[in-house]
């Protein structure tokens, strides 16, 4: 009887730890590896730029971009499970920094490209933060959902694939 209780308790702990982000409109849906280069090209990544993934999950995209494009990468993750997983892995990547917590509490002023894979409700709440904190030439990439009533600078669509919407900070300010 005690074993079953601890097993159930352990499973509940694991499930809530892994899916913590869903309470913040940030369900864990990893970006496909085959899209990493699409995202890099869309945002015109160059060595020395700072790329930030709000809700970085396992951090795989950050590790790839830092290695293949020479960019500094910041991942902000609220799920303790994914944070610890990517934090440990980041010890082997000098250009990747993993931060634990709610990205609303992190200042984005030094970021060149922000990647945000959230639910369609979250970008509305995030727009003010981006306008207030980002540099004038910063870029924002949203997969799947666009900002309502704001025309993207560029859209990367492929047949039966995820669409990526690129915005310049100035477009959000209008």
N, C-alpha and C. Protein backbone atom coordinates (compact mmCIF):
# COMPACT_ATOMS: atom_id res chain seq x y z
N UNK A 1 0.82 -1.20 0.00
CA UNK A 1 0.00 0.00 0.00
C UNK A 1 0.87 1.27 0.00
N UNK A 2 1.93 1.26 0.83
CA UNK A 2 2.80 2.43 0.88
C UNK A 2 3.52 2.64 -0.45
N UNK A 3 3.92 1.56 -1.09
CA UNK A 3 4.62 1.67 -2.37
C UNK A 3 3.74 2.35 -3.41
N UNK A 4 2.47 1.94 -3.50
CA UNK A 4 1.55 2.53 -4.48
C UNK A 4 1.36 4.02 -4.20
N UNK A 5 1.26 4.37 -2.93
CA UNK A 5 1.09 5.78 -2.55
C UNK A 5 2.29 6.60 -3.03
N UNK A 6 3.51 6.11 -2.76
CA UNK A 6 4.70 6.83 -3.15
C UNK A 6 4.87 6.86 -4.67
N UNK A 7 4.46 5.80 -5.32
CA UNK A 7 4.52 5.77 -6.78
C UNK A 7 3.58 6.83 -7.37
N UNK A 8 2.37 6.90 -6.88
CA UNK A 8 1.40 7.89 -7.36
C UNK A 8 1.90 9.30 -7.06
N UNK A 9 2.41 9.51 -5.87
CA UNK A 9 2.95 10.81 -5.48
C UNK A 9 4.11 11.21 -6.39
N UNK A 10 4.99 10.26 -6.68
CA UNK A 10 6.13 10.49 -7.56
C UNK A 10 5.65 10.86 -8.97
N UNK A 11 4.68 10.14 -9.49
CA UNK A 11 4.16 10.43 -10.84
C UNK A 11 3.51 11.81 -10.90
N UNK A 12 2.77 12.16 -9.88
CA UNK A 12 2.14 13.49 -9.83
C UNK A 12 3.22 14.57 -9.80
N UNK A 13 4.26 14.36 -9.02
CA UNK A 13 5.36 15.31 -8.94
C UNK A 13 6.04 15.48 -10.30
N UNK A 14 6.33 14.38 -10.97
CA UNK A 14 6.97 14.44 -12.29
C UNK A 14 6.08 15.15 -13.30
N UNK A 15 4.81 14.80 -13.34
CA UNK A 15 3.90 15.40 -14.31
C UNK A 15 3.78 16.90 -14.09
N UNK A 16 3.59 17.33 -12.85
CA UNK A 16 3.47 18.77 -12.60
C UNK A 16 4.78 19.50 -12.86
N UNK A 17 5.90 18.86 -12.58
CA UNK A 17 7.20 19.49 -12.84
C UNK A 17 7.42 19.67 -14.34
N UNK A 18 7.14 18.66 -15.12
CA UNK A 18 7.34 18.74 -16.56
C UNK A 18 6.37 19.72 -17.22
N UNK A 19 5.15 19.76 -16.75
CA UNK A 19 4.12 20.57 -17.41
C UNK A 19 3.80 21.87 -16.68
N UNK A 20 4.69 22.37 -15.83
CA UNK A 20 4.48 23.62 -15.11
C UNK A 20 4.17 24.77 -16.05
N UNK A 21 4.84 24.82 -17.17
CA UNK A 21 4.65 25.91 -18.12
C UNK A 21 3.24 26.06 -18.62
N UNK A 22 2.47 24.98 -18.64
CA UNK A 22 1.09 25.07 -19.13
C UNK A 22 0.23 26.00 -18.28
N UNK A 23 0.63 26.22 -17.04
CA UNK A 23 -0.10 27.16 -16.19
C UNK A 23 0.16 28.61 -16.59
N UNK A 24 1.16 28.82 -17.44
CA UNK A 24 1.55 30.16 -17.88
C UNK A 24 1.39 30.33 -19.39
N UNK A 25 0.46 29.60 -19.98
CA UNK A 25 0.23 29.63 -21.43
C UNK A 25 1.47 29.20 -22.21
N UNK A 26 2.28 28.35 -21.62
CA UNK A 26 3.52 27.89 -22.26
C UNK A 26 3.58 26.37 -22.21
N UNK A 27 2.74 25.74 -22.99
CA UNK A 27 2.75 24.29 -23.02
C UNK A 27 4.04 23.81 -23.67
N UNK A 28 4.49 22.63 -23.28
CA UNK A 28 5.75 22.15 -23.82
C UNK A 28 5.52 21.44 -25.15
N UNK A 29 5.82 22.17 -26.22
CA UNK A 29 5.82 21.63 -27.57
C UNK A 29 7.16 22.03 -28.17
N UNK A 30 8.10 21.11 -28.22
CA UNK A 30 9.43 21.50 -28.70
C UNK A 30 9.42 21.89 -30.18
N UNK A 31 10.23 22.88 -30.50
CA UNK A 31 10.42 23.28 -31.89
C UNK A 31 11.15 22.15 -32.60
N UNK A 32 10.70 21.85 -33.80
CA UNK A 32 11.31 20.75 -34.56
C UNK A 32 12.73 21.11 -34.97
N UNK A 33 13.62 20.14 -34.86
CA UNK A 33 15.03 20.35 -35.21
C UNK A 33 15.20 20.81 -36.65
N UNK A 34 14.34 20.30 -37.53
CA UNK A 34 14.46 20.68 -38.94
C UNK A 34 14.13 22.15 -39.17
N UNK A 35 13.52 22.82 -38.16
CA UNK A 35 13.17 24.23 -38.29
C UNK A 35 14.22 25.18 -37.73
N UNK A 36 15.23 24.67 -37.06
CA UNK A 36 16.23 25.54 -36.44
C UNK A 36 16.89 26.46 -37.47
N UNK A 37 17.26 25.91 -38.61
CA UNK A 37 17.90 26.74 -39.65
C UNK A 37 16.91 27.72 -40.27
N UNK A 38 15.66 27.32 -40.41
CA UNK A 38 14.63 28.25 -40.90
C UNK A 38 14.54 29.47 -39.99
N UNK A 39 14.54 29.22 -38.70
CA UNK A 39 14.44 30.30 -37.71
C UNK A 39 15.68 31.19 -37.77
N UNK A 40 16.84 30.57 -37.89
CA UNK A 40 18.10 31.33 -37.98
C UNK A 40 18.12 32.22 -39.22
N UNK A 41 17.70 31.67 -40.35
CA UNK A 41 17.67 32.46 -41.59
C UNK A 41 16.62 33.56 -41.51
N UNK A 42 15.47 33.25 -40.97
CA UNK A 42 14.40 34.24 -40.88
C UNK A 42 14.84 35.44 -40.03
N UNK A 43 15.55 35.17 -38.95
CA UNK A 43 15.98 36.25 -38.07
C UNK A 43 17.34 36.82 -38.46
N UNK A 44 17.95 36.27 -39.53
CA UNK A 44 19.24 36.73 -40.04
C UNK A 44 20.30 36.71 -38.92
N UNK A 45 20.41 35.56 -38.25
CA UNK A 45 21.36 35.42 -37.14
C UNK A 45 22.80 35.56 -37.62
N UNK A 46 23.57 36.31 -36.87
CA UNK A 46 24.99 36.52 -37.15
C UNK A 46 25.77 36.30 -35.86
N UNK A 47 27.04 35.89 -35.96
CA UNK A 47 27.86 35.73 -34.76
C UNK A 47 27.85 37.00 -33.90
N UNK A 48 27.77 36.80 -32.60
CA UNK A 48 27.76 37.92 -31.67
C UNK A 48 26.38 38.41 -31.29
N UNK A 49 25.36 38.03 -32.03
CA UNK A 49 24.00 38.43 -31.68
C UNK A 49 23.54 37.65 -30.44
N UNK A 50 22.51 38.17 -29.78
CA UNK A 50 21.94 37.51 -28.61
C UNK A 50 20.53 37.02 -28.97
N UNK A 51 20.35 35.71 -28.85
CA UNK A 51 19.09 35.05 -29.16
C UNK A 51 18.49 34.57 -27.84
N UNK A 52 17.23 34.89 -27.60
CA UNK A 52 16.57 34.51 -26.35
C UNK A 52 15.30 33.71 -26.65
N UNK A 53 15.20 32.56 -26.01
CA UNK A 53 14.02 31.70 -26.15
C UNK A 53 13.24 31.77 -24.85
N UNK A 54 12.06 32.37 -24.92
CA UNK A 54 11.20 32.49 -23.74
C UNK A 54 10.39 31.21 -23.61
N UNK A 55 10.75 30.39 -22.67
CA UNK A 55 10.15 29.07 -22.53
C UNK A 55 10.99 28.09 -23.32
N UNK A 56 12.25 27.96 -22.94
CA UNK A 56 13.23 27.23 -23.76
C UNK A 56 13.16 25.72 -23.65
N UNK A 57 12.34 25.18 -22.75
CA UNK A 57 12.19 23.74 -22.66
C UNK A 57 13.51 23.03 -22.47
N UNK A 58 13.80 22.07 -23.34
CA UNK A 58 15.04 21.29 -23.21
C UNK A 58 16.27 22.03 -23.73
N UNK A 59 16.07 23.20 -24.33
CA UNK A 59 17.18 24.04 -24.78
C UNK A 59 17.86 23.60 -26.05
N UNK A 60 17.37 22.56 -26.71
CA UNK A 60 18.06 22.02 -27.87
C UNK A 60 18.28 23.05 -28.97
N UNK A 61 17.31 23.93 -29.21
CA UNK A 61 17.48 24.94 -30.25
C UNK A 61 18.62 25.90 -29.88
N UNK A 62 18.72 26.25 -28.61
CA UNK A 62 19.77 27.16 -28.16
C UNK A 62 21.16 26.54 -28.37
N UNK A 63 21.29 25.28 -28.02
CA UNK A 63 22.57 24.60 -28.19
C UNK A 63 22.97 24.54 -29.66
N UNK A 64 22.00 24.27 -30.51
CA UNK A 64 22.24 24.20 -31.95
C UNK A 64 22.65 25.57 -32.50
N UNK A 65 21.89 26.60 -32.17
CA UNK A 65 22.17 27.93 -32.71
C UNK A 65 23.50 28.48 -32.21
N UNK A 66 23.84 28.24 -30.95
CA UNK A 66 25.12 28.74 -30.44
C UNK A 66 26.29 28.05 -31.16
N UNK A 67 26.15 26.77 -31.38
CA UNK A 67 27.22 26.00 -32.03
C UNK A 67 27.35 26.33 -33.51
N UNK A 68 26.22 26.43 -34.22
CA UNK A 68 26.25 26.57 -35.68
C UNK A 68 26.21 28.00 -36.19
N UNK A 69 25.80 28.95 -35.35
CA UNK A 69 25.70 30.34 -35.81
C UNK A 69 26.54 31.31 -34.97
N UNK A 70 27.19 30.81 -33.92
CA UNK A 70 28.06 31.66 -33.11
C UNK A 70 27.35 32.74 -32.33
N UNK A 71 26.08 32.51 -32.00
CA UNK A 71 25.31 33.51 -31.26
C UNK A 71 25.30 33.17 -29.78
N UNK A 72 25.16 34.22 -28.97
CA UNK A 72 24.94 34.05 -27.53
C UNK A 72 23.47 33.67 -27.37
N UNK A 73 23.19 32.67 -26.55
CA UNK A 73 21.81 32.22 -26.38
C UNK A 73 21.41 32.25 -24.91
N UNK A 74 20.19 32.71 -24.70
CA UNK A 74 19.61 32.74 -23.36
C UNK A 74 18.30 31.98 -23.43
N UNK A 75 18.14 31.04 -22.52
CA UNK A 75 16.89 30.30 -22.41
C UNK A 75 16.27 30.58 -21.05
N UNK A 76 15.00 30.89 -21.04
CA UNK A 76 14.30 31.11 -19.78
C UNK A 76 13.22 30.05 -19.69
N UNK A 77 13.28 29.27 -18.62
CA UNK A 77 12.37 28.12 -18.48
C UNK A 77 11.78 28.07 -17.08
N UNK A 78 10.46 27.84 -17.02
CA UNK A 78 9.76 27.80 -15.73
C UNK A 78 9.54 26.39 -15.20
N UNK A 79 9.67 25.40 -16.05
CA UNK A 79 9.53 24.01 -15.60
C UNK A 79 10.82 23.57 -14.93
N UNK A 80 10.76 23.19 -13.65
CA UNK A 80 11.99 22.75 -12.98
C UNK A 80 12.67 21.59 -13.69
N UNK A 81 11.92 20.67 -14.22
CA UNK A 81 12.49 19.52 -14.92
C UNK A 81 13.32 19.96 -16.12
N UNK A 82 12.70 20.76 -17.01
CA UNK A 82 13.41 21.19 -18.22
C UNK A 82 14.53 22.17 -17.89
N UNK A 83 14.33 22.99 -16.87
CA UNK A 83 15.40 23.90 -16.44
C UNK A 83 16.64 23.10 -16.05
N UNK A 84 16.50 22.13 -15.14
CA UNK A 84 17.67 21.37 -14.69
C UNK A 84 18.29 20.57 -15.83
N UNK A 85 17.46 20.02 -16.68
CA UNK A 85 17.97 19.26 -17.83
C UNK A 85 18.85 20.16 -18.70
N UNK A 86 18.31 21.32 -19.09
CA UNK A 86 19.07 22.21 -20.00
C UNK A 86 20.21 22.93 -19.28
N UNK A 87 20.05 23.20 -18.00
CA UNK A 87 21.12 23.85 -17.23
C UNK A 87 22.35 22.95 -17.17
N UNK A 88 22.14 21.68 -16.92
CA UNK A 88 23.26 20.73 -16.88
C UNK A 88 23.92 20.65 -18.25
N UNK A 89 23.11 20.54 -19.30
CA UNK A 89 23.66 20.46 -20.65
C UNK A 89 24.42 21.75 -21.03
N UNK A 90 23.96 22.89 -20.51
CA UNK A 90 24.59 24.17 -20.86
C UNK A 90 26.01 24.30 -20.30
N UNK A 91 26.36 23.46 -19.35
CA UNK A 91 27.72 23.49 -18.79
C UNK A 91 28.77 23.17 -19.87
N UNK A 92 28.33 22.55 -20.96
CA UNK A 92 29.23 22.19 -22.05
C UNK A 92 29.17 23.17 -23.22
N UNK A 93 28.41 24.27 -23.06
CA UNK A 93 28.26 25.28 -24.11
C UNK A 93 28.52 26.65 -23.50
N UNK A 94 29.64 27.27 -23.87
CA UNK A 94 30.01 28.57 -23.29
C UNK A 94 29.02 29.68 -23.65
N UNK A 95 28.37 29.57 -24.79
CA UNK A 95 27.52 30.67 -25.25
C UNK A 95 26.03 30.47 -24.92
N UNK A 96 25.72 29.52 -24.05
CA UNK A 96 24.32 29.28 -23.68
C UNK A 96 24.14 29.51 -22.19
N UNK A 97 23.19 30.37 -21.87
CA UNK A 97 22.85 30.67 -20.47
C UNK A 97 21.39 30.26 -20.25
N UNK A 98 21.16 29.45 -19.23
CA UNK A 98 19.80 28.99 -18.91
C UNK A 98 19.38 29.64 -17.59
N UNK A 99 18.21 30.25 -17.61
CA UNK A 99 17.69 30.95 -16.44
C UNK A 99 16.38 30.29 -16.02
N UNK A 100 16.23 30.11 -14.71
CA UNK A 100 15.01 29.51 -14.18
C UNK A 100 14.03 30.61 -13.78
N UNK A 101 12.78 30.44 -14.17
CA UNK A 101 11.75 31.35 -13.69
C UNK A 101 10.82 31.84 -14.77
N UNK A 102 10.01 32.79 -14.39
CA UNK A 102 9.03 33.42 -15.24
C UNK A 102 9.72 34.48 -16.09
N UNK A 103 9.61 34.40 -17.39
CA UNK A 103 10.33 35.35 -18.26
C UNK A 103 9.83 36.78 -18.09
N UNK A 104 8.66 36.97 -17.51
CA UNK A 104 8.18 38.33 -17.27
C UNK A 104 9.07 39.07 -16.28
N UNK A 105 9.85 38.34 -15.51
CA UNK A 105 10.73 38.95 -14.52
C UNK A 105 12.14 39.16 -15.04
N UNK A 106 12.40 38.82 -16.30
CA UNK A 106 13.72 38.95 -16.90
C UNK A 106 13.72 40.12 -17.87
N UNK A 107 14.72 41.00 -17.76
CA UNK A 107 14.82 42.15 -18.64
C UNK A 107 15.42 41.73 -19.98
N UNK A 108 14.77 42.10 -21.06
CA UNK A 108 15.17 41.70 -22.41
C UNK A 108 15.95 42.77 -23.17
N UNK A 109 16.43 43.78 -22.46
CA UNK A 109 17.04 44.94 -23.13
C UNK A 109 18.28 44.62 -23.97
N UNK A 110 19.00 43.54 -23.69
CA UNK A 110 20.20 43.23 -24.46
C UNK A 110 20.00 42.19 -25.54
N UNK A 111 18.76 41.87 -25.84
CA UNK A 111 18.44 40.77 -26.75
C UNK A 111 18.21 41.29 -28.18
N UNK A 112 18.79 40.57 -29.16
CA UNK A 112 18.60 40.92 -30.57
C UNK A 112 17.41 40.20 -31.19
N UNK A 113 17.22 38.93 -30.81
CA UNK A 113 16.12 38.12 -31.35
C UNK A 113 15.44 37.39 -30.20
N UNK A 114 14.12 37.53 -30.13
CA UNK A 114 13.32 36.83 -29.12
C UNK A 114 12.45 35.81 -29.84
N UNK A 115 12.52 34.58 -29.36
CA UNK A 115 11.70 33.49 -29.91
C UNK A 115 10.68 33.11 -28.85
N UNK A 116 9.41 33.07 -29.25
CA UNK A 116 8.34 32.84 -28.29
C UNK A 116 7.37 31.81 -28.84
N UNK A 117 7.42 30.59 -28.32
CA UNK A 117 6.48 29.54 -28.73
C UNK A 117 5.50 29.34 -27.57
N UNK A 118 4.47 30.17 -27.57
CA UNK A 118 3.46 30.13 -26.51
C UNK A 118 2.09 29.88 -27.14
N UNK A 119 1.07 29.83 -26.30
CA UNK A 119 -0.28 29.67 -26.85
C UNK A 119 -0.71 30.98 -27.52
N UNK A 120 -1.79 30.94 -28.24
CA UNK A 120 -2.25 32.13 -28.96
C UNK A 120 -2.72 33.25 -28.03
N UNK A 121 -2.93 32.99 -26.76
CA UNK A 121 -3.36 34.03 -25.81
C UNK A 121 -2.17 34.80 -25.24
N UNK A 122 -1.03 34.17 -25.12
CA UNK A 122 0.13 34.76 -24.46
C UNK A 122 0.71 35.98 -25.19
N UNK A 123 0.84 36.00 -26.52
CA UNK A 123 1.46 37.17 -27.16
C UNK A 123 0.78 38.49 -26.83
N UNK A 124 -0.52 38.50 -26.58
CA UNK A 124 -1.22 39.74 -26.22
C UNK A 124 -0.62 40.33 -24.95
N UNK A 125 -0.38 39.50 -23.97
CA UNK A 125 0.16 39.93 -22.69
C UNK A 125 1.62 40.35 -22.81
N UNK A 126 2.29 39.79 -23.76
CA UNK A 126 3.73 39.98 -23.90
C UNK A 126 4.11 41.22 -24.70
N UNK A 127 3.24 41.71 -25.52
CA UNK A 127 3.54 42.81 -26.42
C UNK A 127 4.08 44.04 -25.68
N UNK A 128 3.44 44.44 -24.60
CA UNK A 128 3.88 45.62 -23.86
C UNK A 128 5.31 45.45 -23.33
N UNK A 129 5.61 44.27 -22.82
CA UNK A 129 6.95 43.99 -22.30
C UNK A 129 7.98 44.12 -23.41
N UNK A 130 7.70 43.57 -24.57
CA UNK A 130 8.63 43.63 -25.69
C UNK A 130 8.86 45.06 -26.15
N UNK A 131 7.79 45.84 -26.26
CA UNK A 131 7.91 47.23 -26.70
C UNK A 131 8.73 48.03 -25.68
N UNK A 132 8.50 47.80 -24.43
CA UNK A 132 9.17 48.55 -23.36
C UNK A 132 10.66 48.21 -23.25
N UNK A 133 11.03 46.93 -23.41
CA UNK A 133 12.38 46.49 -23.07
C UNK A 133 13.33 46.26 -24.25
N UNK A 134 12.83 45.85 -25.39
CA UNK A 134 13.73 45.50 -26.50
C UNK A 134 14.38 46.71 -27.14
N UNK A 135 15.56 46.48 -27.76
CA UNK A 135 16.24 47.51 -28.53
C UNK A 135 15.39 47.81 -29.78
N UNK A 136 15.61 48.96 -30.37
CA UNK A 136 14.81 49.37 -31.54
C UNK A 136 14.92 48.40 -32.72
N UNK A 137 16.08 47.79 -32.91
CA UNK A 137 16.27 46.90 -34.05
C UNK A 137 16.08 45.43 -33.71
N UNK A 138 15.54 45.13 -32.53
CA UNK A 138 15.31 43.74 -32.13
C UNK A 138 14.21 43.11 -32.97
N UNK A 139 14.31 41.78 -33.07
CA UNK A 139 13.34 41.00 -33.84
C UNK A 139 12.63 40.03 -32.92
N UNK A 140 11.39 39.73 -33.28
CA UNK A 140 10.57 38.78 -32.52
C UNK A 140 10.07 37.73 -33.48
N UNK A 141 10.18 36.45 -33.09
CA UNK A 141 9.67 35.36 -33.92
C UNK A 141 8.62 34.60 -33.13
N UNK A 142 7.46 34.44 -33.75
CA UNK A 142 6.37 33.65 -33.18
C UNK A 142 6.04 32.51 -34.13
N UNK A 143 6.08 31.27 -33.66
CA UNK A 143 5.60 30.17 -34.50
C UNK A 143 4.10 29.97 -34.31
N UNK A 144 3.44 29.54 -35.32
CA UNK A 144 2.02 29.16 -35.30
C UNK A 144 1.06 30.34 -35.21
N UNK A 145 1.21 31.20 -34.21
CA UNK A 145 0.26 32.29 -33.99
C UNK A 145 0.96 33.63 -34.17
N UNK A 146 0.26 34.55 -34.80
CA UNK A 146 0.81 35.89 -34.99
C UNK A 146 0.18 36.84 -33.97
N UNK A 147 0.79 38.01 -33.83
CA UNK A 147 0.16 39.05 -33.03
C UNK A 147 -1.10 39.50 -33.77
N UNK A 148 -2.18 39.66 -33.05
CA UNK A 148 -3.44 40.11 -33.66
C UNK A 148 -3.31 41.57 -34.09
N UNK A 149 -3.79 41.87 -35.27
CA UNK A 149 -3.85 43.23 -35.81
C UNK A 149 -2.49 43.89 -36.01
N UNK A 150 -1.43 43.11 -36.09
CA UNK A 150 -0.11 43.66 -36.39
C UNK A 150 0.47 42.86 -37.56
N UNK A 151 0.84 43.57 -38.59
CA UNK A 151 1.37 42.91 -39.78
C UNK A 151 2.81 42.48 -39.54
N UNK A 152 3.11 41.19 -39.75
CA UNK A 152 4.49 40.73 -39.59
C UNK A 152 5.41 41.35 -40.65
N UNK A 153 6.66 41.50 -40.31
CA UNK A 153 7.66 41.97 -41.26
C UNK A 153 7.87 40.93 -42.35
N UNK A 154 7.82 39.66 -41.91
CA UNK A 154 8.02 38.55 -42.84
C UNK A 154 7.32 37.31 -42.29
N UNK A 155 6.84 36.46 -43.18
CA UNK A 155 6.24 35.19 -42.79
C UNK A 155 6.97 34.08 -43.54
N UNK A 156 7.35 33.05 -42.80
CA UNK A 156 7.99 31.90 -43.40
C UNK A 156 7.00 30.75 -43.32
N UNK A 157 6.40 30.42 -44.46
CA UNK A 157 5.42 29.33 -44.52
C UNK A 157 5.93 28.23 -45.42
N UNK A 158 5.67 27.02 -44.99
CA UNK A 158 5.94 25.85 -45.82
C UNK A 158 4.68 25.00 -45.79
N UNK A 159 4.41 24.35 -46.89
CA UNK A 159 3.22 23.52 -46.99
C UNK A 159 3.20 22.46 -45.88
N UNK A 160 2.13 22.43 -45.11
CA UNK A 160 1.91 21.46 -44.03
C UNK A 160 2.99 21.51 -42.95
N UNK A 161 3.63 22.66 -42.77
CA UNK A 161 4.64 22.85 -41.73
C UNK A 161 4.23 24.04 -40.87
N UNK A 162 4.94 24.24 -39.79
CA UNK A 162 4.70 25.37 -38.91
C UNK A 162 5.05 26.66 -39.65
N UNK A 163 4.21 27.68 -39.50
CA UNK A 163 4.52 29.01 -40.03
C UNK A 163 5.23 29.81 -38.96
N UNK A 164 6.21 30.62 -39.37
CA UNK A 164 6.95 31.47 -38.45
C UNK A 164 6.71 32.93 -38.84
N UNK A 165 6.37 33.75 -37.86
CA UNK A 165 6.06 35.16 -38.07
C UNK A 165 7.17 36.00 -37.46
N UNK A 166 7.79 36.83 -38.30
CA UNK A 166 8.87 37.71 -37.86
C UNK A 166 8.33 39.13 -37.71
N UNK A 167 8.67 39.74 -36.59
CA UNK A 167 8.29 41.13 -36.31
C UNK A 167 9.55 41.91 -35.94
N UNK A 168 9.59 43.15 -36.32
CA UNK A 168 10.57 44.09 -35.77
C UNK A 168 9.90 44.78 -34.61
N UNK A 169 10.67 45.18 -33.63
CA UNK A 169 10.11 45.84 -32.46
C UNK A 169 9.28 47.05 -32.86
N UNK A 170 9.74 47.78 -33.87
CA UNK A 170 9.04 49.00 -34.29
C UNK A 170 7.62 48.69 -34.77
N UNK A 171 7.40 47.51 -35.34
CA UNK A 171 6.05 47.13 -35.80
C UNK A 171 5.10 46.95 -34.62
N UNK A 172 5.63 46.52 -33.48
CA UNK A 172 4.79 46.34 -32.30
C UNK A 172 4.42 47.65 -31.64
N UNK A 173 5.24 48.68 -31.88
CA UNK A 173 5.03 49.98 -31.23
C UNK A 173 3.89 50.78 -31.86
N UNK A 174 3.52 50.42 -33.06
CA UNK A 174 2.50 51.21 -33.80
C UNK A 174 1.11 50.97 -33.27
